[in-house]
Protein backbone atom coordinates (compact mmCIF):
# COMPACT_ATOMS: atom_id res chain seq x y z
CA MET A 1 -26.18 25.15 -10.16
CA SER A 2 -23.69 22.31 -9.92
CA SER A 3 -24.71 18.82 -8.85
CA SER A 4 -22.81 19.23 -5.59
CA ASP A 5 -24.58 22.52 -4.84
CA ILE A 6 -27.93 20.90 -5.53
CA PHE A 7 -27.18 17.88 -3.35
CA ILE A 8 -25.79 19.90 -0.43
CA GLY A 9 -28.56 22.48 -0.62
CA GLU A 10 -31.29 19.85 -0.67
CA VAL A 11 -29.75 17.89 2.21
CA ILE A 12 -29.48 20.98 4.39
CA GLY A 13 -32.82 22.45 3.39
CA THR A 14 -34.82 19.25 3.76
CA ALA A 15 -33.10 18.48 7.08
CA VAL A 16 -34.13 21.90 8.41
CA LEU A 17 -37.64 21.43 7.02
CA ILE A 18 -38.08 18.11 8.86
CA LEU A 19 -36.30 19.28 12.01
CA LEU A 20 -38.69 22.20 12.43
CA GLY A 21 -41.76 20.48 11.00
CA GLY A 22 -41.32 17.22 12.86
CA GLY A 23 -40.22 19.25 15.86
CA VAL A 24 -43.52 21.10 16.12
CA VAL A 25 -45.41 17.80 15.96
CA ALA A 26 -43.21 16.39 18.73
CA ALA A 27 -43.75 19.54 20.78
CA VAL A 28 -47.52 19.24 20.50
CA VAL A 29 -48.02 15.49 21.03
CA LEU A 30 -45.27 14.25 23.38
CA LYS A 31 -45.64 14.13 27.13
CA ARG A 32 -43.45 16.45 29.21
CA SER A 33 -43.25 18.95 26.35
CA LYS A 34 -44.03 22.57 27.24
CA ALA A 35 -46.14 22.84 24.07
CA GLN A 36 -48.16 19.66 24.60
CA ASN A 37 -51.75 19.94 23.33
CA ALA A 38 -51.06 23.23 21.53
CA GLY A 39 -53.24 21.88 18.73
CA TRP A 40 -53.58 21.68 14.96
CA LEU A 41 -53.06 25.41 14.40
CA ALA A 42 -49.61 25.19 15.99
CA ILE A 43 -48.73 22.23 13.77
CA THR A 44 -49.90 23.85 10.52
CA PHE A 45 -48.17 27.15 11.19
CA GLY A 46 -45.08 25.33 12.45
CA TRP A 47 -44.82 23.47 9.14
CA GLY A 48 -45.35 26.73 7.23
CA PHE A 49 -42.52 28.42 9.12
CA ALA A 50 -40.38 25.31 8.57
CA VAL A 51 -40.85 25.68 4.81
CA LEU A 52 -40.08 29.40 4.99
CA THR A 53 -36.88 28.92 6.99
CA ALA A 54 -35.57 26.05 4.87
CA VAL A 55 -36.26 27.81 1.56
CA TYR A 56 -34.65 31.10 2.58
CA MET A 57 -31.66 29.18 3.92
CA THR A 58 -30.90 27.10 0.83
CA GLY A 59 -32.65 28.75 -2.12
CA SER A 60 -29.40 30.18 -3.43
CA LEU A 61 -27.70 26.78 -3.37
CA SER A 62 -30.23 24.41 -4.93
CA GLY A 63 -33.37 26.41 -5.63
CA ALA A 64 -34.84 24.81 -2.49
CA HIS A 65 -37.16 22.25 -4.02
CA LEU A 66 -37.08 20.21 -0.76
CA ASN A 67 -39.82 17.98 -2.17
CA PRO A 68 -39.68 15.36 -4.95
CA ALA A 69 -43.16 16.42 -6.09
CA VAL A 70 -41.88 19.96 -6.69
CA THR A 71 -38.83 18.55 -8.49
CA VAL A 72 -41.06 16.43 -10.74
CA GLY A 73 -43.33 19.40 -11.44
CA ILE A 74 -40.42 21.64 -12.47
CA ALA A 75 -38.86 18.84 -14.55
CA ILE A 76 -42.11 18.32 -16.48
CA LYS A 77 -42.54 22.07 -16.94
CA ASP A 78 -39.02 22.49 -18.33
CA GLY A 79 -38.54 19.07 -19.92
CA ASP A 80 -35.19 18.76 -18.11
CA TRP A 81 -34.73 15.65 -15.96
CA SER A 82 -30.93 15.72 -15.75
CA ASN A 83 -30.70 16.74 -12.08
CA VAL A 84 -33.79 14.94 -10.78
CA PRO A 85 -31.84 11.98 -9.23
CA VAL A 86 -29.54 14.41 -7.40
CA TYR A 87 -32.51 16.33 -6.02
CA PHE A 88 -34.22 13.11 -4.93
CA ALA A 89 -31.11 11.79 -3.18
CA GLY A 90 -30.48 15.04 -1.31
CA GLN A 91 -34.11 15.31 -0.25
CA LEU A 92 -34.34 11.77 1.10
CA LEU A 93 -31.04 11.99 2.97
CA GLY A 94 -31.93 15.42 4.36
CA ALA A 95 -35.32 14.18 5.57
CA MET A 96 -33.62 11.32 7.41
CA VAL A 97 -31.09 13.67 9.01
CA GLY A 98 -33.86 16.04 10.10
CA ALA A 99 -35.88 13.21 11.65
CA PHE A 100 -32.82 11.98 13.55
CA LEU A 101 -32.26 15.49 14.92
CA VAL A 102 -35.89 15.64 16.12
CA TRP A 103 -35.23 12.47 18.10
CA ILE A 104 -32.14 14.02 19.68
CA ALA A 105 -33.89 17.29 20.51
CA TYR A 106 -36.85 15.48 22.13
CA TYR A 107 -35.03 12.43 23.47
CA GLY A 108 -36.33 12.79 27.03
CA GLN A 109 -39.88 13.44 25.84
CA PHE A 110 -39.84 10.34 23.61
CA GLN A 111 -38.65 8.25 26.57
CA ALA A 112 -41.33 9.69 28.88
CA HIS A 113 -44.06 9.23 26.28
CA LEU A 114 -43.15 5.67 25.39
CA THR A 115 -42.77 4.45 28.98
CA ASP A 116 -46.15 5.83 30.07
CA PRO A 117 -48.67 2.97 30.53
CA GLU A 118 -51.49 5.32 29.52
CA ILE A 119 -49.82 5.65 26.11
CA VAL A 120 -48.39 2.19 25.45
CA GLY A 121 -50.41 -0.01 27.82
CA ASP A 122 -49.35 -2.07 30.82
CA PRO A 123 -45.99 -3.80 30.09
CA GLU A 124 -46.79 -6.64 32.54
CA LYS A 125 -50.12 -7.30 30.84
CA LYS A 126 -48.42 -7.30 27.44
CA ALA A 127 -45.84 -9.80 28.69
CA VAL A 128 -48.65 -12.20 29.63
CA GLU A 129 -50.89 -11.66 26.61
CA GLY A 130 -48.15 -11.21 24.03
CA PRO A 131 -47.62 -8.36 21.56
CA HIS A 132 -50.55 -7.17 19.47
CA ASP A 133 -48.65 -5.03 17.01
CA ASN A 134 -50.00 -5.69 13.53
CA GLY A 135 -47.49 -3.48 11.76
CA GLY A 136 -49.75 -0.44 11.95
CA ALA A 137 -48.99 2.99 13.34
CA GLY A 138 -47.09 3.12 16.61
CA PRO A 139 -47.72 5.66 19.39
CA VAL A 140 -45.14 8.18 18.12
CA LEU A 141 -45.14 7.49 14.39
CA GLY A 142 -47.04 10.73 13.75
CA VAL A 143 -43.98 12.71 14.82
CA PHE A 144 -42.08 11.16 11.93
CA SER A 145 -44.61 10.51 9.17
CA THR A 146 -48.26 10.78 8.25
CA GLY A 147 -51.24 8.45 8.56
CA PRO A 148 -54.94 8.53 7.82
CA GLU A 149 -57.64 9.11 10.40
CA VAL A 150 -59.94 6.86 8.33
CA ARG A 151 -58.34 4.20 6.11
CA VAL A 152 -60.00 4.43 2.74
CA VAL A 153 -57.23 3.83 0.22
CA TRP A 154 -58.71 5.71 -2.73
CA GLN A 155 -59.72 8.67 -0.53
CA ASN A 156 -56.33 8.82 1.22
CA LEU A 157 -54.55 8.72 -2.13
CA ALA A 158 -56.89 11.31 -3.64
CA THR A 159 -56.39 13.65 -0.67
CA GLU A 160 -52.61 13.55 -1.09
CA ILE A 161 -52.92 14.09 -4.85
CA ILE A 162 -55.29 17.05 -4.47
CA GLY A 163 -53.19 18.74 -1.78
CA THR A 164 -50.02 18.33 -3.81
CA VAL A 165 -51.64 19.70 -6.97
CA VAL A 166 -52.47 22.86 -5.03
CA LEU A 167 -48.92 23.12 -3.66
CA VAL A 168 -47.03 22.47 -6.88
CA LEU A 169 -49.34 24.61 -9.01
CA ALA A 170 -48.80 27.47 -6.56
CA VAL A 171 -45.03 26.96 -6.81
CA LEU A 172 -45.11 26.94 -10.62
CA THR A 173 -47.38 29.97 -10.97
CA GLN A 174 -46.30 32.13 -8.03
CA GLY A 175 -43.16 30.81 -6.44
CA LEU A 176 -40.29 30.35 -8.89
CA ASN A 177 -37.24 32.58 -9.12
CA ASP A 178 -36.23 34.36 -12.31
CA SER A 179 -34.44 31.29 -13.68
CA GLY A 180 -37.49 29.14 -13.05
CA LYS A 181 -35.35 26.42 -11.45
CA GLY A 182 -36.41 26.88 -7.82
CA LEU A 183 -38.17 29.08 -5.31
CA GLY A 184 -37.53 32.80 -5.22
CA VAL A 185 -37.56 35.17 -2.24
CA LEU A 186 -41.22 36.15 -2.55
CA GLY A 187 -42.08 32.65 -3.74
CA ALA A 188 -40.80 31.22 -0.46
CA LEU A 189 -43.28 33.30 1.52
CA ILE A 190 -46.14 32.45 -0.82
CA THR A 191 -45.30 28.75 -0.69
CA ALA A 192 -45.08 28.75 3.10
CA LEU A 193 -48.54 30.33 3.34
CA VAL A 194 -49.90 27.82 0.82
CA VAL A 195 -48.55 24.99 3.00
CA VAL A 196 -50.35 26.47 6.00
CA GLY A 197 -53.54 26.76 3.96
CA ILE A 198 -53.30 23.16 2.76
CA GLY A 199 -52.77 21.97 6.31
CA LEU A 200 -55.77 23.89 7.62
CA SER A 201 -58.09 22.91 4.77
CA LEU A 202 -56.91 19.49 3.57
CA GLY A 203 -54.74 18.16 6.38
CA GLY A 204 -57.49 16.53 8.40
CA PRO A 205 -57.87 13.22 6.51
CA THR A 206 -54.21 12.14 6.15
CA GLY A 207 -51.98 14.69 7.86
CA TYR A 208 -50.99 16.24 4.49
CA ALA A 209 -47.64 14.70 3.59
CA ILE A 210 -47.66 16.40 0.14
CA ASN A 211 -43.97 15.47 -0.02
CA PRO A 212 -42.63 11.92 -0.55
CA ALA A 213 -39.25 12.59 1.08
CA ARG A 214 -40.88 14.27 4.08
CA ASP A 215 -42.80 11.05 4.77
CA LEU A 216 -40.52 8.23 3.61
CA GLY A 217 -37.22 9.48 5.10
CA PRO A 218 -38.54 9.97 8.65
CA ARG A 219 -40.53 6.71 8.44
CA ILE A 220 -37.26 4.88 7.74
CA VAL A 221 -35.66 6.63 10.71
CA HIS A 222 -38.62 5.66 12.92
CA ALA A 223 -38.10 2.03 11.91
CA LEU A 224 -34.37 2.19 12.76
CA LEU A 225 -34.34 4.23 15.97
CA PRO A 226 -34.09 2.40 19.33
CA LEU A 227 -37.36 3.80 20.66
CA PRO A 228 -38.98 1.69 23.40
CA ASN A 229 -42.52 0.49 22.71
CA LYS A 230 -42.60 2.45 19.45
CA GLY A 231 -44.88 0.04 17.62
CA GLY A 232 -44.92 -0.43 13.86
CA SER A 233 -43.97 2.02 11.11
CA ASP A 234 -47.17 1.34 9.14
CA TRP A 235 -45.44 0.26 5.93
CA SER A 236 -48.74 -0.87 4.44
CA TYR A 237 -49.72 2.81 4.19
CA ALA A 238 -46.29 4.19 3.31
CA TRP A 239 -46.76 4.05 -0.48
CA ILE A 240 -49.67 6.52 -0.42
CA PRO A 241 -47.72 9.61 0.75
CA VAL A 242 -45.06 8.74 -1.85
CA VAL A 243 -47.18 7.94 -4.90
CA GLY A 244 -49.91 10.51 -4.20
CA PRO A 245 -47.63 13.57 -4.10
CA LEU A 246 -45.64 12.42 -7.15
CA VAL A 247 -48.86 12.02 -9.13
CA GLY A 248 -50.08 15.37 -7.81
CA GLY A 249 -46.87 17.10 -8.87
CA ALA A 250 -47.15 15.64 -12.37
CA ILE A 251 -50.80 16.70 -12.67
CA ALA A 252 -49.96 20.22 -11.50
CA ALA A 253 -47.23 20.49 -14.13
CA GLY A 254 -49.65 19.28 -16.80
CA ILE A 255 -52.19 21.90 -15.76
CA TYR A 256 -49.48 24.55 -15.80
CA ASN A 257 -48.29 23.61 -19.30
CA ILE A 258 -51.83 23.60 -20.67
CA ALA A 259 -53.22 26.68 -18.95
CA PHE A 260 -50.31 28.97 -18.06
CA ALA A 261 -47.31 28.25 -20.30
């Protein structure tokens, strides 16, 4: 695979991943959406299908890592870091493109949600009392990135590490193609089902980022988009879904090299 193939494949694949994954969250949580209140099952299966679609679409181009934690795991397994920066760049850019497309697809729903006093409070009251945004999560941040239900830093970090170890170890043991550089046809299905399983079992505490690009790219887009009353992007939490998955990917690769290689 050439560097250009890797970059293009990761941009397209990660954009599709975030478009469909972020899209299902928007569908479930935003007002005036036909799928509003469809629930956690819809979100977890939506993310699983997002992984499946993106991997099948771009596996032949880049190996469809679509996740810096997967890239780190494969690099540690093989001892080859030469293409890691290209993968990272494609993944982050693709995640930002995908998040922007979610905003376009749900533009009217974002506007309806963020102008509803039940969601954002009474604008006249806010004008008198002043803003109370402390930089924490805004009312639509969950469409773009993850956040904890209970803020306990070590637990939130541990949850992301544990979930990512499961994901990356499944990729390394069950998911790689014959060259070992990315996901294969059967591996894509297995990985998608693993993502659903992680969401159902371990997604409750933090929303299971298990992918630094998936969280950081859309969080940047949330910060930049002209969304009314969007609130903060919760940058004080943003390091956890970046560091946790990277650590988890490294641990998974270490386990693989000790136990399976």
